[in-house]
Amino acid sequence: MKLWVNRVSSLLALAALSMVFVRFFFPEVTPFLTTGLLFILFFIFIAVSIVTFDPKASKRDELVGLPVTIYFSVLVVFLQLIGGETDTPLSIDQPFLWIAIALGIWLDIKRTRKNKKDREKSAA
């Protein structure tokens, strides 16, 4: 049950943050959901996810970082391609976005290599 609650809350946090991105690019689309409310929902879902996380039952740390980075990168590019505009640095013509993506991918690869070495040492 605890693992199920963790997974659902993680997915809901991802959905809330995705809606924040949609709101950044198309503020008139969701007038009933303010950015503040979406951030509150996001932090509630993250808190539930952290509280219910069981490292013994989940290998999620190794599987989430890179796909989530890629998901948000594709989401930002897609939202701009369909006509979204934003004043935030989350724009494909802003270097901040590309630096953040590159840094995220590099950190995920570095963490994955470290975890792999640690597992090999503990197995030997």
C-alpha atoms as a PDB file:
ATOM      1  CA  MET A   1       0.000   0.000   0.000  1.00  0.00           C
ATOM      2  CA  LYS A   2       2.793   2.403   0.917  1.00  0.00           C
ATOM      3  CA  LEU A   3       4.541   1.840  -2.428  1.00  0.00           C
ATOM      4  CA  TRP A   4       1.261   2.415  -4.293  1.00  0.00           C
ATOM      5  CA  VAL A   5       0.647   5.716  -2.452  1.00  0.00           C
ATOM      6  CA  ASN A   6       4.221   6.750  -3.222  1.00  0.00           C
ATOM      7  CA  ARG A   7       3.858   6.055  -6.938  1.00  0.00           C
ATOM      8  CA  VAL A   8       0.477   7.794  -7.227  1.00  0.00           C
ATOM      9  CA  SER A   9       1.686  10.870  -5.329  1.00  0.00           C
ATOM     10  CA  SER A  10       4.796  11.032  -7.536  1.00  0.00           C
ATOM     11  CA  LEU A  11       2.672  10.898 -10.684  1.00  0.00           C
ATOM     12  CA  LEU A  12       0.322  13.566  -9.320  1.00  0.00           C
ATOM     13  CA  ALA A  13       3.331  15.777  -8.519  1.00  0.00           C
ATOM     14  CA  LEU A  14       4.538  15.325 -12.090  1.00  0.00           C
ATOM     15  CA  ALA A  15       1.071  16.219 -13.389  1.00  0.00           C
ATOM     16  CA  ALA A  16       0.877  19.332 -11.165  1.00  0.00           C
ATOM     17  CA  LEU A  17       4.291  20.535 -12.319  1.00  0.00           C
ATOM     18  CA  SER A  18       3.294  19.846 -15.935  1.00  0.00           C
ATOM     19  CA  MET A  19       0.236  22.051 -15.443  1.00  0.00           C
ATOM     20  CA  VAL A  20       2.516  24.785 -14.062  1.00  0.00           C
ATOM     21  CA  PHE A  21       4.465  24.613 -17.301  1.00  0.00           C
ATOM     22  CA  VAL A  22       1.240  24.779 -19.347  1.00  0.00           C
ATOM     23  CA  ARG A  23       0.185  27.759 -17.256  1.00  0.00           C
ATOM     24  CA  PHE A  24       3.543  29.479 -17.906  1.00  0.00           C
ATOM     25  CA  PHE A  25       3.101  29.149 -21.664  1.00  0.00           C
ATOM     26  CA  PHE A  26      -0.704  29.517 -21.903  1.00  0.00           C
ATOM     27  CA  PRO A  27      -1.944  31.494 -18.859  1.00  0.00           C
ATOM     28  CA  GLU A  28      -5.459  31.899 -20.293  1.00  0.00           C
ATOM     29  CA  VAL A  29      -6.028  28.136 -20.699  1.00  0.00           C
ATOM     30  CA  THR A  30      -6.538  27.284 -17.016  1.00  0.00           C
ATOM     31  CA  PRO A  31      -8.024  30.359 -15.327  1.00  0.00           C
ATOM     32  CA  PHE A  32      -9.428  28.275 -12.449  1.00  0.00           C
ATOM     33  CA  LEU A  33      -5.999  26.871 -11.543  1.00  0.00           C
ATOM     34  CA  THR A  34      -3.618  29.534 -10.372  1.00  0.00           C
ATOM     35  CA  THR A  35       0.120  28.967 -10.432  1.00  0.00           C
ATOM     36  CA  GLY A  36       0.230  29.267  -6.653  1.00  0.00           C
ATOM     37  CA  LEU A  37      -2.399  26.559  -6.205  1.00  0.00           C
ATOM     38  CA  LEU A  38      -0.532  24.281  -8.601  1.00  0.00           C
ATOM     39  CA  PHE A  39       2.721  24.776  -6.679  1.00  0.00           C
ATOM     40  CA  ILE A  40       0.933  24.029  -3.392  1.00  0.00           C
ATOM     41  CA  LEU A  41      -0.457  20.805  -4.881  1.00  0.00           C
ATOM     42  CA  PHE A  42       2.975  19.939  -6.237  1.00  0.00           C
ATOM     43  CA  PHE A  43       4.649  20.361  -2.839  1.00  0.00           C
ATOM     44  CA  ILE A  44       1.907  18.371  -1.069  1.00  0.00           C
ATOM     45  CA  PHE A  45       2.337  15.479  -3.516  1.00  0.00           C
ATOM     46  CA  ILE A  46       6.132  15.645  -3.192  1.00  0.00           C
ATOM     47  CA  ALA A  47       5.868  15.615   0.609  1.00  0.00           C
ATOM     48  CA  VAL A  48       3.608  12.544   0.508  1.00  0.00           C
ATOM     49  CA  SER A  49       5.985  10.900  -1.943  1.00  0.00           C
ATOM     50  CA  ILE A  50       8.986  11.552   0.309  1.00  0.00           C
ATOM     51  CA  VAL A  51       7.198  10.348   3.454  1.00  0.00           C
ATOM     52  CA  THR A  52       6.036   7.119   1.802  1.00  0.00           C
ATOM     53  CA  PHE A  53       9.305   6.371  -0.024  1.00  0.00           C
ATOM     54  CA  ASP A  54      10.865   3.021   0.861  1.00  0.00           C
ATOM     55  CA  PRO A  55      14.350   2.601  -0.660  1.00  0.00           C
ATOM     56  CA  LYS A  56      14.257  -1.167  -0.116  1.00  0.00           C
ATOM     57  CA  ALA A  57      11.095  -1.611  -2.160  1.00  0.00           C
ATOM     58  CA  SER A  58      11.932   0.780  -4.955  1.00  0.00           C
ATOM     59  CA  LYS A  59      14.735   1.174  -7.479  1.00  0.00           C
ATOM     60  CA  ARG A  60      13.098   4.399  -8.621  1.00  0.00           C
ATOM     61  CA  ASP A  61      16.091   6.625  -7.859  1.00  0.00           C
ATOM     62  CA  GLU A  62      18.002   4.964 -10.667  1.00  0.00           C
ATOM     63  CA  LEU A  63      15.148   5.118 -13.147  1.00  0.00           C
ATOM     64  CA  VAL A  64      13.566   8.539 -12.703  1.00  0.00           C
ATOM     65  CA  GLY A  65      16.096  11.331 -13.142  1.00  0.00           C
ATOM     66  CA  LEU A  66      16.911  11.112 -16.823  1.00  0.00           C
ATOM     67  CA  PRO A  67      13.384  10.313 -18.082  1.00  0.00           C
ATOM     68  CA  VAL A  68      11.906  13.192 -16.074  1.00  0.00           C
ATOM     69  CA  THR A  69      14.570  15.573 -17.423  1.00  0.00           C
ATOM     70  CA  ILE A  70      13.799  14.441 -20.964  1.00  0.00           C
ATOM     71  CA  TYR A  71      10.034  14.683 -20.323  1.00  0.00           C
ATOM     72  CA  PHE A  72      10.219  18.319 -19.178  1.00  0.00           C
ATOM     73  CA  SER A  73      12.621  19.215 -21.995  1.00  0.00           C
ATOM     74  CA  VAL A  74      10.237  17.796 -24.586  1.00  0.00           C
ATOM     75  CA  LEU A  75       7.273  19.457 -22.830  1.00  0.00           C
ATOM     76  CA  VAL A  76       8.914  22.902 -23.003  1.00  0.00           C
ATOM     77  CA  VAL A  77       9.833  22.473 -26.676  1.00  0.00           C
ATOM     78  CA  PHE A  78       6.333  21.155 -27.501  1.00  0.00           C
ATOM     79  CA  LEU A  79       4.566  23.993 -25.686  1.00  0.00           C
ATOM     80  CA  GLN A  80       6.619  26.535 -27.597  1.00  0.00           C
ATOM     81  CA  LEU A  81       6.092  24.791 -30.916  1.00  0.00           C
ATOM     82  CA  ILE A  82       2.305  24.918 -30.512  1.00  0.00           C
ATOM     83  CA  GLY A  83       2.446  28.661 -29.932  1.00  0.00           C
ATOM     84  CA  GLY A  84       3.104  29.152 -26.249  1.00  0.00           C
ATOM     85  CA  GLU A  85       5.014  32.197 -25.097  1.00  0.00           C
ATOM     86  CA  THR A  86       6.584  32.856 -21.742  1.00  0.00           C
ATOM     87  CA  ASP A  87       8.579  35.547 -19.985  1.00  0.00           C
ATOM     88  CA  THR A  88      10.353  32.966 -17.827  1.00  0.00           C
ATOM     89  CA  PRO A  89      13.776  31.575 -18.761  1.00  0.00           C
ATOM     90  CA  LEU A  90      12.021  28.346 -19.803  1.00  0.00           C
ATOM     91  CA  SER A  91      12.229  29.160 -23.469  1.00  0.00           C
ATOM     92  CA  ILE A  92      14.084  27.310 -26.213  1.00  0.00           C
ATOM     93  CA  ASP A  93      15.897  30.479 -27.184  1.00  0.00           C
ATOM     94  CA  GLN A  94      17.221  31.054 -23.649  1.00  0.00           C
ATOM     95  CA  PRO A  95      20.588  29.518 -22.717  1.00  0.00           C
ATOM     96  CA  PHE A  96      19.410  28.939 -19.125  1.00  0.00           C
ATOM     97  CA  LEU A  97      17.103  26.132 -20.278  1.00  0.00           C
ATOM     98  CA  TRP A  98      19.805  24.311 -22.220  1.00  0.00           C
ATOM     99  CA  ILE A  99      22.329  24.698 -19.399  1.00  0.00           C
ATOM    100  CA  ALA A 100      19.796  23.291 -16.905  1.00  0.00           C
ATOM    101  CA  ILE A 101      19.002  20.345 -19.209  1.00  0.00           C
ATOM    102  CA  ALA A 102      22.677  19.564 -19.818  1.00  0.00           C
ATOM    103  CA  LEU A 103      23.458  19.842 -16.104  1.00  0.00           C
ATOM    104  CA  GLY A 104      20.524  17.582 -15.210  1.00  0.00           C
ATOM    105  CA  ILE A 105      21.555  14.912 -17.707  1.00  0.00           C
ATOM    106  CA  TRP A 106      25.198  15.086 -16.590  1.00  0.00           C
ATOM    107  CA  LEU A 107      24.249  14.730 -12.909  1.00  0.00           C
ATOM    108  CA  ASP A 108      21.954  11.777 -13.674  1.00  0.00           C
ATOM    109  CA  ILE A 109      24.672   9.982 -15.628  1.00  0.00           C
ATOM    110  CA  LYS A 110      27.218  10.695 -12.889  1.00  0.00           C
ATOM    111  CA  ARG A 111      24.857   9.377 -10.177  1.00  0.00           C
ATOM    112  CA  THR A 112      24.033   6.267 -12.201  1.00  0.00           C
ATOM    113  CA  ARG A 113      27.726   5.458 -12.700  1.00  0.00           C
ATOM    114  CA  LYS A 114      28.433   5.978  -8.999  1.00  0.00           C
ATOM    115  CA  ASN A 115      25.529   3.737  -7.968  1.00  0.00           C
ATOM    116  CA  LYS A 116      26.686   1.067 -10.410  1.00  0.00           C
ATOM    117  CA  LYS A 117      30.217   1.136  -8.954  1.00  0.00           C
ATOM    118  CA  ASP A 118      28.838   0.980  -5.416  1.00  0.00           C
ATOM    119  CA  ARG A 119      26.681  -2.038  -6.294  1.00  0.00           C
ATOM    120  CA  GLU A 120      29.663  -3.779  -7.910  1.00  0.00           C
ATOM    121  CA  LYS A 121      31.805  -3.155  -4.810  1.00  0.00           C
ATOM    122  CA  SER A 122      29.105  -4.432  -2.460  1.00  0.00           C
ATOM    123  CA  ALA A 123      28.525  -7.523  -4.638  1.00  0.00           C
ATOM    124  CA  ALA A 124      32.228  -8.409  -4.684  1.00  0.00           C
END
